[in-house]
Amino acid sequence: MTSIVIVEKTGTLKNLKWKVFNAEDIYKKGGFKTNKGFAEQTQWNIELKDGTKYYIKLFGKKEGRANQENKYDMPPPVDKDLYFGSCVLINYKDAEGVEVSDLTTSQWEKCYEHLFGGFETLGSEDSEEEDEDEYDDLEKTAEGYAKDDFIVDDDEEVVYETKRKKKLNRSSRSHISTSSEEEFEYSSELEEEEYI
């Protein structure tokens, strides 16, 4: 029983056990009905730092329908190529690619990292450095807010604008049917405003 890796079109990796390996049926493991356009795309010959060697072949389709693109980020030299549907990764015992060997997702991830030249763990250096806040040097209020004129203190006087009211006399209100004295508030867009 051989273990291979399926790269689904969503970009997720899946282990698959293959009872009897048959090179002519690789396209079926990729989920295709026919082998039309399904072929070997590249081979990576990898030797990890621990001395483990992998000879991994990528099988897939370069032509397909819209919205069937494989979202997985393949390593060089096929990192700029576009694949459709699922792809299949198979490990061989030697560079000639005659006899198949097991490949799991964890093994592929080690090879993937090696092919990209290694990855840095982000955040390890960031946590060691102290972040200096630009507001540390500002004077603070009793509540702990920075006094940067953004928040108004409670003891500061706030000036509000008042609306002007005009009292109309009886003669100018002759068209109004009510007899009581009323105060009208008016505003006009053309009215001149006072500026500070």
N, C-alpha and C. Protein backbone atom coordinates (compact mmCIF):
# COMPACT_ATOMS: atom_id res chain seq x y z
N MET A 1 0.85 -1.18 0.00
CA MET A 1 0.00 0.00 0.00
C MET A 1 0.89 1.24 0.00
N THR A 2 0.65 2.13 -0.95
CA THR A 2 1.45 3.33 -1.13
C THR A 2 0.68 4.54 -0.64
N SER A 3 1.38 5.44 0.02
CA SER A 3 0.78 6.68 0.50
C SER A 3 1.19 7.82 -0.44
N ILE A 4 0.18 8.56 -0.93
CA ILE A 4 0.44 9.72 -1.79
C ILE A 4 -0.26 10.94 -1.21
N VAL A 5 0.02 12.10 -1.75
CA VAL A 5 -0.59 13.34 -1.28
C VAL A 5 -1.43 13.93 -2.41
N ILE A 6 -2.66 14.26 -2.08
CA ILE A 6 -3.56 14.94 -3.02
C ILE A 6 -3.61 16.41 -2.62
N VAL A 7 -3.36 17.29 -3.59
CA VAL A 7 -3.49 18.74 -3.38
C VAL A 7 -4.83 19.13 -3.98
N GLU A 8 -5.82 19.30 -3.11
CA GLU A 8 -7.16 19.61 -3.58
C GLU A 8 -7.20 21.02 -4.15
N LYS A 9 -8.21 21.29 -4.98
CA LYS A 9 -8.28 22.60 -5.65
C LYS A 9 -8.46 23.75 -4.66
N THR A 10 -8.93 23.45 -3.46
CA THR A 10 -9.07 24.49 -2.42
C THR A 10 -7.73 24.84 -1.79
N GLY A 11 -6.70 24.05 -2.08
CA GLY A 11 -5.37 24.31 -1.52
C GLY A 11 -5.06 23.45 -0.31
N THR A 12 -5.95 22.58 0.09
CA THR A 12 -5.70 21.71 1.25
C THR A 12 -5.00 20.43 0.80
N LEU A 13 -4.19 19.90 1.70
CA LEU A 13 -3.46 18.66 1.44
C LEU A 13 -4.19 17.50 2.08
N LYS A 14 -4.16 16.34 1.40
CA LYS A 14 -4.87 15.17 1.92
C LYS A 14 -4.02 13.92 1.67
N ASN A 15 -3.83 13.11 2.71
CA ASN A 15 -3.15 11.82 2.55
C ASN A 15 -4.10 10.83 1.91
N LEU A 16 -3.55 9.98 1.04
CA LEU A 16 -4.37 8.97 0.40
C LEU A 16 -3.56 7.68 0.29
N LYS A 17 -4.15 6.58 0.75
CA LYS A 17 -3.50 5.26 0.64
C LYS A 17 -3.96 4.62 -0.67
N TRP A 18 -3.00 4.15 -1.43
CA TRP A 18 -3.27 3.52 -2.72
C TRP A 18 -2.86 2.07 -2.62
N LYS A 19 -3.84 1.16 -2.70
CA LYS A 19 -3.56 -0.27 -2.50
C LYS A 19 -2.59 -0.82 -3.54
N VAL A 20 -2.93 -0.69 -4.80
CA VAL A 20 -2.06 -1.19 -5.87
C VAL A 20 -1.77 -0.03 -6.81
N PHE A 21 -0.52 0.44 -6.80
CA PHE A 21 -0.14 1.58 -7.62
C PHE A 21 -0.16 1.21 -9.09
N ASN A 22 -0.79 2.07 -9.90
CA ASN A 22 -0.80 1.92 -11.34
C ASN A 22 -0.61 3.31 -11.94
N ALA A 23 0.51 3.54 -12.62
CA ALA A 23 0.85 4.86 -13.16
C ALA A 23 -0.20 5.38 -14.14
N GLU A 24 -0.91 4.50 -14.79
CA GLU A 24 -1.92 4.91 -15.76
C GLU A 24 -3.20 5.43 -15.10
N ASP A 25 -3.38 5.18 -13.82
CA ASP A 25 -4.59 5.60 -13.10
C ASP A 25 -4.36 6.79 -12.16
N ILE A 26 -3.26 7.49 -12.30
CA ILE A 26 -2.98 8.62 -11.40
C ILE A 26 -4.06 9.69 -11.55
N TYR A 27 -4.53 9.94 -12.75
CA TYR A 27 -5.56 10.96 -12.98
C TYR A 27 -6.83 10.66 -12.18
N LYS A 28 -7.14 9.39 -11.96
CA LYS A 28 -8.33 9.01 -11.19
C LYS A 28 -8.19 9.44 -9.73
N LYS A 29 -6.98 9.35 -9.20
CA LYS A 29 -6.75 9.77 -7.81
C LYS A 29 -6.88 11.28 -7.67
N GLY A 30 -6.69 12.00 -8.78
CA GLY A 30 -6.89 13.45 -8.79
C GLY A 30 -8.35 13.84 -8.96
N GLY A 31 -9.21 12.85 -9.15
CA GLY A 31 -10.64 13.11 -9.25
C GLY A 31 -11.11 13.41 -10.66
N PHE A 32 -10.31 13.07 -11.68
CA PHE A 32 -10.70 13.33 -13.07
C PHE A 32 -11.28 12.07 -13.71
N LYS A 33 -12.20 12.27 -14.66
CA LYS A 33 -12.84 11.14 -15.36
C LYS A 33 -11.95 10.58 -16.47
N THR A 34 -11.20 11.48 -17.12
CA THR A 34 -10.30 11.05 -18.19
C THR A 34 -8.90 11.58 -17.92
N ASN A 35 -7.93 11.04 -18.63
CA ASN A 35 -6.56 11.50 -18.45
C ASN A 35 -6.19 12.61 -19.43
N LYS A 36 -7.18 13.15 -20.14
CA LYS A 36 -6.94 14.21 -21.11
C LYS A 36 -6.34 15.44 -20.42
N GLY A 37 -5.12 15.82 -20.79
CA GLY A 37 -4.44 16.98 -20.23
C GLY A 37 -3.77 16.72 -18.89
N PHE A 38 -4.02 15.57 -18.27
CA PHE A 38 -3.44 15.26 -16.97
C PHE A 38 -2.08 14.61 -17.20
N ALA A 39 -1.01 15.25 -16.71
CA ALA A 39 0.34 14.75 -16.99
C ALA A 39 1.30 15.15 -15.88
N GLU A 40 2.50 14.59 -15.94
CA GLU A 40 3.56 14.98 -15.02
C GLU A 40 3.98 16.40 -15.37
N GLN A 41 4.03 17.26 -14.35
CA GLN A 41 4.37 18.67 -14.58
C GLN A 41 5.83 18.98 -14.21
N THR A 42 6.33 18.36 -13.16
CA THR A 42 7.72 18.58 -12.74
C THR A 42 8.13 17.49 -11.77
N GLN A 43 9.44 17.45 -11.51
CA GLN A 43 9.98 16.54 -10.49
C GLN A 43 10.96 17.33 -9.64
N TRP A 44 10.83 17.15 -8.33
CA TRP A 44 11.76 17.78 -7.38
C TRP A 44 12.65 16.69 -6.80
N ASN A 45 13.97 16.87 -6.93
CA ASN A 45 14.94 15.98 -6.29
C ASN A 45 15.45 16.71 -5.06
N ILE A 46 15.06 16.22 -3.90
CA ILE A 46 15.29 16.94 -2.64
C ILE A 46 16.13 16.09 -1.69
N GLU A 47 17.13 16.75 -1.08
CA GLU A 47 17.87 16.12 0.01
C GLU A 47 17.80 17.08 1.20
N LEU A 48 17.13 16.62 2.25
CA LEU A 48 16.98 17.45 3.44
C LEU A 48 18.26 17.47 4.26
N LYS A 49 18.35 18.34 5.24
CA LYS A 49 19.54 18.47 6.08
C LYS A 49 19.86 17.19 6.84
N ASP A 50 18.82 16.42 7.16
CA ASP A 50 19.04 15.18 7.90
C ASP A 50 19.48 14.03 6.98
N GLY A 51 19.64 14.30 5.67
CA GLY A 51 20.11 13.29 4.72
C GLY A 51 19.00 12.52 4.02
N THR A 52 17.75 12.75 4.39
CA THR A 52 16.63 12.08 3.75
C THR A 52 16.47 12.61 2.33
N LYS A 53 16.28 11.67 1.38
CA LYS A 53 16.12 12.06 -0.02
C LYS A 53 14.70 11.77 -0.49
N TYR A 54 14.19 12.70 -1.27
CA TYR A 54 12.85 12.57 -1.86
C TYR A 54 12.95 12.88 -3.35
N TYR A 55 12.22 12.12 -4.13
CA TYR A 55 12.11 12.33 -5.57
C TYR A 55 10.61 12.44 -5.87
N ILE A 56 10.10 13.64 -5.77
CA ILE A 56 8.65 13.87 -5.82
C ILE A 56 8.25 14.41 -7.18
N LYS A 57 7.23 13.77 -7.75
CA LYS A 57 6.68 14.22 -9.03
C LYS A 57 5.31 14.84 -8.79
N LEU A 58 5.06 15.92 -9.53
CA LEU A 58 3.77 16.60 -9.48
C LEU A 58 2.99 16.25 -10.75
N PHE A 59 1.77 15.78 -10.56
CA PHE A 59 0.88 15.47 -11.67
C PHE A 59 -0.33 16.39 -11.59
N GLY A 60 -0.75 16.94 -12.73
CA GLY A 60 -1.91 17.82 -12.73
C GLY A 60 -2.27 18.26 -14.13
N LYS A 61 -3.31 19.12 -14.21
CA LYS A 61 -3.79 19.66 -15.48
C LYS A 61 -3.50 21.15 -15.54
N LYS A 62 -2.98 21.61 -16.69
CA LYS A 62 -2.72 23.04 -16.89
C LYS A 62 -3.86 23.74 -17.61
N GLU A 63 -4.82 23.00 -18.09
CA GLU A 63 -5.97 23.59 -18.77
C GLU A 63 -7.25 23.11 -18.10
N GLY A 64 -8.20 24.03 -18.00
CA GLY A 64 -9.46 23.66 -17.36
C GLY A 64 -10.46 24.79 -17.43
N ARG A 65 -11.58 24.60 -16.74
CA ARG A 65 -12.65 25.59 -16.72
C ARG A 65 -12.38 26.66 -15.68
N ALA A 66 -13.04 27.81 -15.89
CA ALA A 66 -12.95 28.90 -14.92
C ALA A 66 -13.51 28.45 -13.58
N ASN A 67 -13.00 28.97 -12.51
CA ASN A 67 -13.37 28.66 -11.13
C ASN A 67 -12.95 27.26 -10.69
N GLN A 68 -12.14 26.59 -11.48
CA GLN A 68 -11.63 25.28 -11.10
C GLN A 68 -10.13 25.35 -10.82
N GLU A 69 -9.59 26.57 -10.70
CA GLU A 69 -8.16 26.75 -10.48
C GLU A 69 -7.75 26.20 -9.12
N ASN A 70 -6.58 25.59 -9.08
CA ASN A 70 -6.04 25.07 -7.82
C ASN A 70 -5.42 26.24 -7.06
N LYS A 71 -5.80 26.41 -5.81
CA LYS A 71 -5.38 27.56 -5.00
C LYS A 71 -4.04 27.36 -4.28
N TYR A 72 -3.47 26.17 -4.38
CA TYR A 72 -2.24 25.85 -3.66
C TYR A 72 -1.05 26.59 -4.28
N ASP A 73 -0.17 27.09 -3.43
CA ASP A 73 1.03 27.82 -3.86
C ASP A 73 2.16 26.81 -4.05
N MET A 74 2.37 26.39 -5.29
CA MET A 74 3.40 25.39 -5.60
C MET A 74 4.80 26.01 -5.48
N PRO A 75 5.78 25.18 -5.10
CA PRO A 75 7.16 25.68 -5.01
C PRO A 75 7.82 25.80 -6.39
N PRO A 76 8.93 26.52 -6.48
CA PRO A 76 9.65 26.66 -7.75
C PRO A 76 10.07 25.29 -8.27
N PRO A 77 10.16 25.09 -9.52
CA PRO A 77 10.07 26.01 -10.66
C PRO A 77 8.66 26.18 -11.22
N VAL A 78 7.65 25.60 -10.61
CA VAL A 78 6.28 25.69 -11.13
C VAL A 78 5.43 26.67 -10.31
N ASP A 79 6.06 27.58 -9.60
CA ASP A 79 5.33 28.51 -8.73
C ASP A 79 4.51 29.53 -9.50
N LYS A 80 4.82 29.74 -10.77
CA LYS A 80 4.07 30.71 -11.57
C LYS A 80 3.04 30.03 -12.48
N ASP A 81 3.01 28.71 -12.48
CA ASP A 81 2.07 27.96 -13.33
C ASP A 81 0.71 27.85 -12.65
N LEU A 82 -0.32 27.76 -13.47
CA LEU A 82 -1.69 27.64 -12.98
C LEU A 82 -2.19 26.23 -13.27
N TYR A 83 -2.74 25.58 -12.23
CA TYR A 83 -3.27 24.22 -12.38
C TYR A 83 -4.76 24.21 -12.11
N PHE A 84 -5.44 23.23 -12.68
CA PHE A 84 -6.89 23.13 -12.55
C PHE A 84 -7.26 21.82 -11.87
N GLY A 85 -8.21 21.89 -10.97
CA GLY A 85 -8.64 20.71 -10.22
C GLY A 85 -7.59 20.29 -9.21
N SER A 86 -7.66 19.05 -8.79
CA SER A 86 -6.70 18.53 -7.80
C SER A 86 -5.41 18.10 -8.49
N CYS A 87 -4.31 18.19 -7.74
CA CYS A 87 -3.01 17.73 -8.22
C CYS A 87 -2.58 16.55 -7.34
N VAL A 88 -1.68 15.74 -7.86
CA VAL A 88 -1.22 14.55 -7.14
C VAL A 88 0.30 14.64 -6.98
N LEU A 89 0.78 14.38 -5.75
CA LEU A 89 2.21 14.34 -5.45
C LEU A 89 2.58 12.90 -5.11
N ILE A 90 3.57 12.36 -5.84
CA ILE A 90 4.01 10.98 -5.63
C ILE A 90 5.51 10.98 -5.43
N ASN A 91 5.96 10.26 -4.40
CA ASN A 91 7.38 10.13 -4.11
C ASN A 91 7.90 8.83 -4.72
N TYR A 92 9.08 8.91 -5.32
CA TYR A 92 9.72 7.74 -5.92
C TYR A 92 11.01 7.44 -5.17
N LYS A 93 11.47 6.20 -5.28
CA LYS A 93 12.68 5.78 -4.55
C LYS A 93 13.96 6.32 -5.17
N ASP A 94 13.91 6.67 -6.47
CA ASP A 94 15.10 7.21 -7.12
C ASP A 94 14.68 8.24 -8.17
N ALA A 95 15.68 8.90 -8.76
CA ALA A 95 15.41 9.97 -9.72
C ALA A 95 14.78 9.46 -11.02
N GLU A 96 14.95 8.18 -11.33
CA GLU A 96 14.38 7.63 -12.55
C GLU A 96 12.86 7.50 -12.44
N GLY A 97 12.33 7.44 -11.25
CA GLY A 97 10.89 7.40 -11.03
C GLY A 97 10.24 6.10 -11.45
N VAL A 98 10.89 4.99 -11.12
CA VAL A 98 10.32 3.69 -11.49
C VAL A 98 9.53 3.11 -10.33
N GLU A 99 10.14 3.05 -9.16
CA GLU A 99 9.51 2.44 -7.99
C GLU A 99 9.00 3.51 -7.04
N VAL A 100 7.75 3.34 -6.60
CA VAL A 100 7.08 4.34 -5.76
C VAL A 100 7.43 4.14 -4.29
N SER A 101 7.51 5.26 -3.56
CA SER A 101 7.75 5.26 -2.13
C SER A 101 6.66 6.08 -1.45
N ASP A 102 6.48 5.90 -0.16
CA ASP A 102 5.43 6.63 0.57
C ASP A 102 5.76 8.12 0.69
N LEU A 103 4.69 8.92 0.67
CA LEU A 103 4.79 10.36 0.91
C LEU A 103 3.56 10.78 1.70
N THR A 104 3.79 11.39 2.87
CA THR A 104 2.70 11.89 3.71
C THR A 104 2.68 13.42 3.65
N THR A 105 1.62 14.02 4.16
CA THR A 105 1.53 15.48 4.14
C THR A 105 2.62 16.11 5.00
N SER A 106 2.97 15.49 6.13
CA SER A 106 4.02 16.05 6.98
C SER A 106 5.39 15.99 6.28
N GLN A 107 5.65 14.91 5.54
CA GLN A 107 6.90 14.82 4.78
C GLN A 107 6.92 15.87 3.66
N TRP A 108 5.79 16.01 2.98
CA TRP A 108 5.70 17.00 1.91
C TRP A 108 5.92 18.41 2.46
N GLU A 109 5.37 18.72 3.63
CA GLU A 109 5.53 20.05 4.21
C GLU A 109 7.00 20.35 4.52
N LYS A 110 7.77 19.36 4.94
CA LYS A 110 9.21 19.54 5.16
C LYS A 110 9.91 19.82 3.83
N CYS A 111 9.54 19.07 2.80
CA CYS A 111 10.11 19.27 1.47
C CYS A 111 9.72 20.64 0.92
N TYR A 112 8.48 21.01 1.13
CA TYR A 112 7.94 22.30 0.67
C TYR A 112 8.75 23.45 1.27
N GLU A 113 9.01 23.36 2.56
CA GLU A 113 9.80 24.37 3.25
C GLU A 113 11.22 24.42 2.68
N HIS A 114 11.79 23.28 2.43
CA HIS A 114 13.14 23.20 1.86
C HIS A 114 13.18 23.82 0.45
N LEU A 115 12.16 23.54 -0.36
CA LEU A 115 12.11 24.06 -1.74
C LEU A 115 11.97 25.58 -1.77
N PHE A 116 11.31 26.14 -0.78
CA PHE A 116 11.17 27.59 -0.70
C PHE A 116 12.35 28.24 0.01
N GLY A 117 13.31 27.45 0.47
CA GLY A 117 14.48 28.01 1.14
C GLY A 117 14.28 28.25 2.62
N GLY A 118 13.27 27.64 3.21
CA GLY A 118 13.01 27.80 4.64
C GLY A 118 12.12 28.99 4.91
N PHE A 119 11.44 28.94 6.03
CA PHE A 119 10.56 30.02 6.43
C PHE A 119 10.97 30.53 7.79
N GLU A 120 10.82 31.84 7.99
CA GLU A 120 11.09 32.43 9.30
C GLU A 120 9.82 32.39 10.13
N THR A 121 9.98 32.18 11.41
CA THR A 121 8.85 32.25 12.30
C THR A 121 8.64 33.70 12.67
N LEU A 122 7.56 34.27 12.20
CA LEU A 122 7.28 35.67 12.47
C LEU A 122 6.76 35.83 13.89
N GLY A 123 7.12 36.93 14.51
CA GLY A 123 6.63 37.20 15.84
C GLY A 123 7.62 36.88 16.94
N SER A 124 8.63 36.06 16.67
CA SER A 124 9.58 35.70 17.72
C SER A 124 10.45 36.90 18.09
N GLU A 125 10.87 37.67 17.08
CA GLU A 125 11.69 38.85 17.37
C GLU A 125 10.82 40.00 17.86
N ASP A 126 9.61 40.07 17.35
CA ASP A 126 8.71 41.15 17.73
C ASP A 126 8.38 41.12 19.21
N SER A 127 8.24 39.93 19.78
CA SER A 127 7.86 39.84 21.19
C SER A 127 9.00 40.26 22.10
N GLU A 128 10.24 40.15 21.62
CA GLU A 128 11.39 40.53 22.44
C GLU A 128 11.55 42.05 22.53
N GLU A 129 11.18 42.73 21.46
CA GLU A 129 11.31 44.18 21.44
C GLU A 129 10.14 44.80 22.19
N GLU A 130 10.45 45.89 22.89
CA GLU A 130 9.39 46.61 23.57
C GLU A 130 8.82 47.64 22.63
N ASP A 131 7.51 47.69 22.55
CA ASP A 131 6.86 48.70 21.72
C ASP A 131 6.75 49.96 22.55
N GLU A 132 7.34 51.05 22.03
CA GLU A 132 7.24 52.32 22.73
C GLU A 132 6.04 53.06 22.17
N ASP A 133 5.17 53.46 23.07
CA ASP A 133 3.99 54.20 22.67
C ASP A 133 4.36 55.66 22.50
N GLU A 134 3.91 56.28 21.42
CA GLU A 134 4.25 57.67 21.15
C GLU A 134 3.60 58.62 22.16
N TYR A 135 2.62 58.13 22.91
CA TYR A 135 1.92 58.97 23.88
C TYR A 135 2.44 58.79 25.30
N ASP A 136 3.49 58.00 25.49
CA ASP A 136 4.03 57.77 26.83
C ASP A 136 4.55 59.06 27.48
N ASP A 137 5.08 59.97 26.67
CA ASP A 137 5.70 61.18 27.20
C ASP A 137 4.69 62.31 27.44
N LEU A 138 3.45 62.15 27.02
CA LEU A 138 2.45 63.20 27.18
C LEU A 138 1.89 63.20 28.60
N GLU A 139 1.48 64.39 29.02
CA GLU A 139 0.84 64.54 30.32
C GLU A 139 -0.53 63.86 30.28
N LYS A 140 -0.91 63.20 31.37
CA LYS A 140 -2.17 62.44 31.39
C LYS A 140 -3.17 63.09 32.34
N THR A 141 -4.47 62.85 32.05
CA THR A 141 -5.54 63.31 32.92
C THR A 141 -5.68 62.33 34.09
N ALA A 142 -6.58 62.63 35.02
CA ALA A 142 -6.81 61.75 36.15
C ALA A 142 -7.38 60.41 35.70
N GLU A 143 -8.10 60.43 34.58
CA GLU A 143 -8.68 59.19 34.05
C GLU A 143 -7.67 58.38 33.25
N GLY A 144 -6.49 58.91 32.97
CA GLY A 144 -5.47 58.19 32.24
C GLY A 144 -5.39 58.53 30.76
N TYR A 145 -6.18 59.50 30.31
CA TYR A 145 -6.13 59.90 28.91
C TYR A 145 -5.01 60.90 28.69
N ALA A 146 -4.44 60.88 27.49
CA ALA A 146 -3.38 61.83 27.15
C ALA A 146 -3.99 63.21 26.95
N LYS A 147 -3.33 64.23 27.50
CA LYS A 147 -3.81 65.61 27.32
C LYS A 147 -3.25 66.12 25.99
N ASP A 148 -3.95 65.81 24.93
CA ASP A 148 -3.50 66.26 23.61
C ASP A 148 -4.58 67.06 22.90
N ASP A 149 -5.48 67.69 23.68
CA ASP A 149 -6.56 68.53 23.19
C ASP A 149 -7.59 67.76 22.36
N PHE A 150 -7.54 66.46 22.42
CA PHE A 150 -8.53 65.67 21.71
C PHE A 150 -9.79 65.51 22.56
N ILE A 151 -9.62 65.30 23.85
CA ILE A 151 -10.74 65.14 24.77
C ILE A 151 -10.81 66.39 25.63
N VAL A 152 -11.99 66.95 25.75
CA VAL A 152 -12.18 68.17 26.53
C VAL A 152 -12.37 67.79 28.00
N ASP A 153 -11.63 68.44 28.89
CA ASP A 153 -11.78 68.21 30.32
C ASP A 153 -13.14 68.70 30.78
N ASP A 154 -13.65 68.11 31.87
CA ASP A 154 -14.95 68.49 32.41
C ASP A 154 -14.96 69.92 32.94
N ASP A 155 -13.82 70.40 33.43
CA ASP A 155 -13.78 71.72 34.02
C ASP A 155 -13.58 72.83 32.98
N GLU A 156 -13.34 72.47 31.72
CA GLU A 156 -13.22 73.47 30.67
C GLU A 156 -14.60 73.94 30.26
N GLU A 157 -14.71 75.24 29.92
CA GLU A 157 -15.98 75.80 29.51
C GLU A 157 -16.21 75.48 28.03
N VAL A 158 -17.38 74.99 27.76
CA VAL A 158 -17.75 74.69 26.38
C VAL A 158 -18.71 75.76 25.91
N VAL A 159 -18.46 76.35 24.75
CA VAL A 159 -19.30 77.42 24.22
C VAL A 159 -20.21 76.83 23.16
N TYR A 160 -21.51 77.06 23.34
CA TYR A 160 -22.50 76.57 22.40
C TYR A 160 -23.07 77.76 21.65
N GLU A 161 -23.45 77.56 20.40
CA GLU A 161 -24.11 78.60 19.63
C GLU A 161 -25.57 78.62 19.99
N THR A 162 -26.15 79.82 20.09
CA THR A 162 -27.58 79.92 20.37
C THR A 162 -28.29 80.43 19.13
N LYS A 163 -29.52 79.98 18.97
CA LYS A 163 -30.32 80.41 17.82
C LYS A 163 -31.05 81.69 18.19
N ARG A 164 -31.16 82.57 17.23
CA ARG A 164 -31.87 83.83 17.45
C ARG A 164 -33.37 83.62 17.25
N LYS A 165 -34.15 84.25 18.11
CA LYS A 165 -35.61 84.15 18.00
C LYS A 165 -36.15 85.53 17.68
N LYS A 166 -37.15 85.56 16.86
CA LYS A 166 -37.76 86.84 16.49
C LYS A 166 -39.24 86.78 16.85
N LYS A 167 -39.68 87.83 17.49
CA LYS A 167 -41.08 87.93 17.88
C LYS A 167 -41.80 88.75 16.82
N LEU A 168 -42.83 88.17 16.27
CA LEU A 168 -43.58 88.87 15.23
C LEU A 168 -44.71 89.68 15.89
N ASN A 169 -44.97 90.86 15.37
CA ASN A 169 -46.09 91.64 15.92
C ASN A 169 -47.39 91.21 15.25
N ARG A 170 -48.51 91.69 15.82
CA ARG A 170 -49.82 91.27 15.38
C ARG A 170 -50.09 91.61 13.92
N SER A 171 -49.65 92.71 13.46
CA SER A 171 -49.94 93.14 12.09
C SER A 171 -49.22 92.26 11.06
N SER A 172 -48.05 91.82 11.38
CA SER A 172 -47.33 90.97 10.43
C SER A 172 -47.84 89.54 10.45
N ARG A 173 -48.69 89.26 11.47
CA ARG A 173 -49.23 87.90 11.55
C ARG A 173 -50.70 87.88 11.16
N SER A 174 -51.14 88.79 10.43
CA SER A 174 -52.57 88.89 10.12
C SER A 174 -53.08 87.68 9.35
N HIS A 175 -52.23 87.04 8.63
CA HIS A 175 -52.65 85.87 7.86
C HIS A 175 -52.70 84.60 8.72
N ILE A 176 -52.21 84.65 9.97
CA ILE A 176 -52.22 83.50 10.86
C ILE A 176 -53.55 83.50 11.61
N SER A 177 -54.19 82.36 11.72
CA SER A 177 -55.53 82.28 12.28
C SER A 177 -55.55 82.25 13.80
N THR A 178 -54.44 82.07 14.45
CA THR A 178 -54.43 82.03 15.92
C THR A 178 -54.29 83.44 16.48
N SER A 179 -54.86 83.66 17.65
CA SER A 179 -54.85 84.99 18.22
C SER A 179 -53.79 85.15 19.30
N SER A 180 -53.18 84.10 19.75
CA SER A 180 -52.20 84.23 20.83
C SER A 180 -50.85 84.66 20.28
N GLU A 181 -50.08 85.30 21.15
CA GLU A 181 -48.72 85.72 20.79
C GLU A 181 -47.85 84.47 20.73
N GLU A 182 -47.14 84.28 19.64
CA GLU A 182 -46.25 83.13 19.50
C GLU A 182 -44.86 83.60 19.16
N GLU A 183 -43.93 82.77 19.58
CA GLU A 183 -42.54 83.03 19.23
C GLU A 183 -42.16 82.06 18.13
N PHE A 184 -41.57 82.54 17.07
CA PHE A 184 -41.15 81.68 15.97
C PHE A 184 -39.63 81.62 15.90
N GLU A 185 -39.17 80.44 15.69
CA GLU A 185 -37.73 80.25 15.52
C GLU A 185 -37.49 80.07 14.02
N TYR A 186 -36.54 80.77 13.48
CA TYR A 186 -36.30 80.63 12.06
C TYR A 186 -34.80 80.50 11.81
N SER A 187 -34.49 79.92 10.70
CA SER A 187 -33.10 79.88 10.26
C SER A 187 -33.12 79.88 8.75
N SER A 188 -32.11 80.42 8.19
CA SER A 188 -32.03 80.50 6.74
C SER A 188 -30.64 80.07 6.31
N GLU A 189 -30.59 79.43 5.18
CA GLU A 189 -29.27 79.02 4.67
C GLU A 189 -28.46 80.24 4.26
N LEU A 190 -29.14 81.32 3.94
CA LEU A 190 -28.45 82.52 3.50
C LEU A 190 -28.09 83.43 4.64
N GLU A 191 -28.46 83.04 5.83
CA GLU A 191 -28.20 83.84 7.02
C GLU A 191 -26.70 83.90 7.30
N GLU A 192 -26.23 85.00 7.72
CA GLU A 192 -24.82 85.19 7.99
C GLU A 192 -24.49 84.61 9.38
N GLU A 193 -23.42 83.87 9.47
CA GLU A 193 -23.02 83.26 10.73
C GLU A 193 -21.82 83.99 11.29
N GLU A 194 -21.73 83.96 12.61
CA GLU A 194 -20.58 84.60 13.27
C GLU A 194 -19.47 83.57 13.42
N TYR A 195 -18.27 83.96 13.08
CA TYR A 195 -17.12 83.08 13.19
C TYR A 195 -16.19 83.58 14.28
N ILE A 196 -15.56 82.68 14.93
CA ILE A 196 -14.65 83.02 16.03
C ILE A 196 -13.30 83.43 15.49
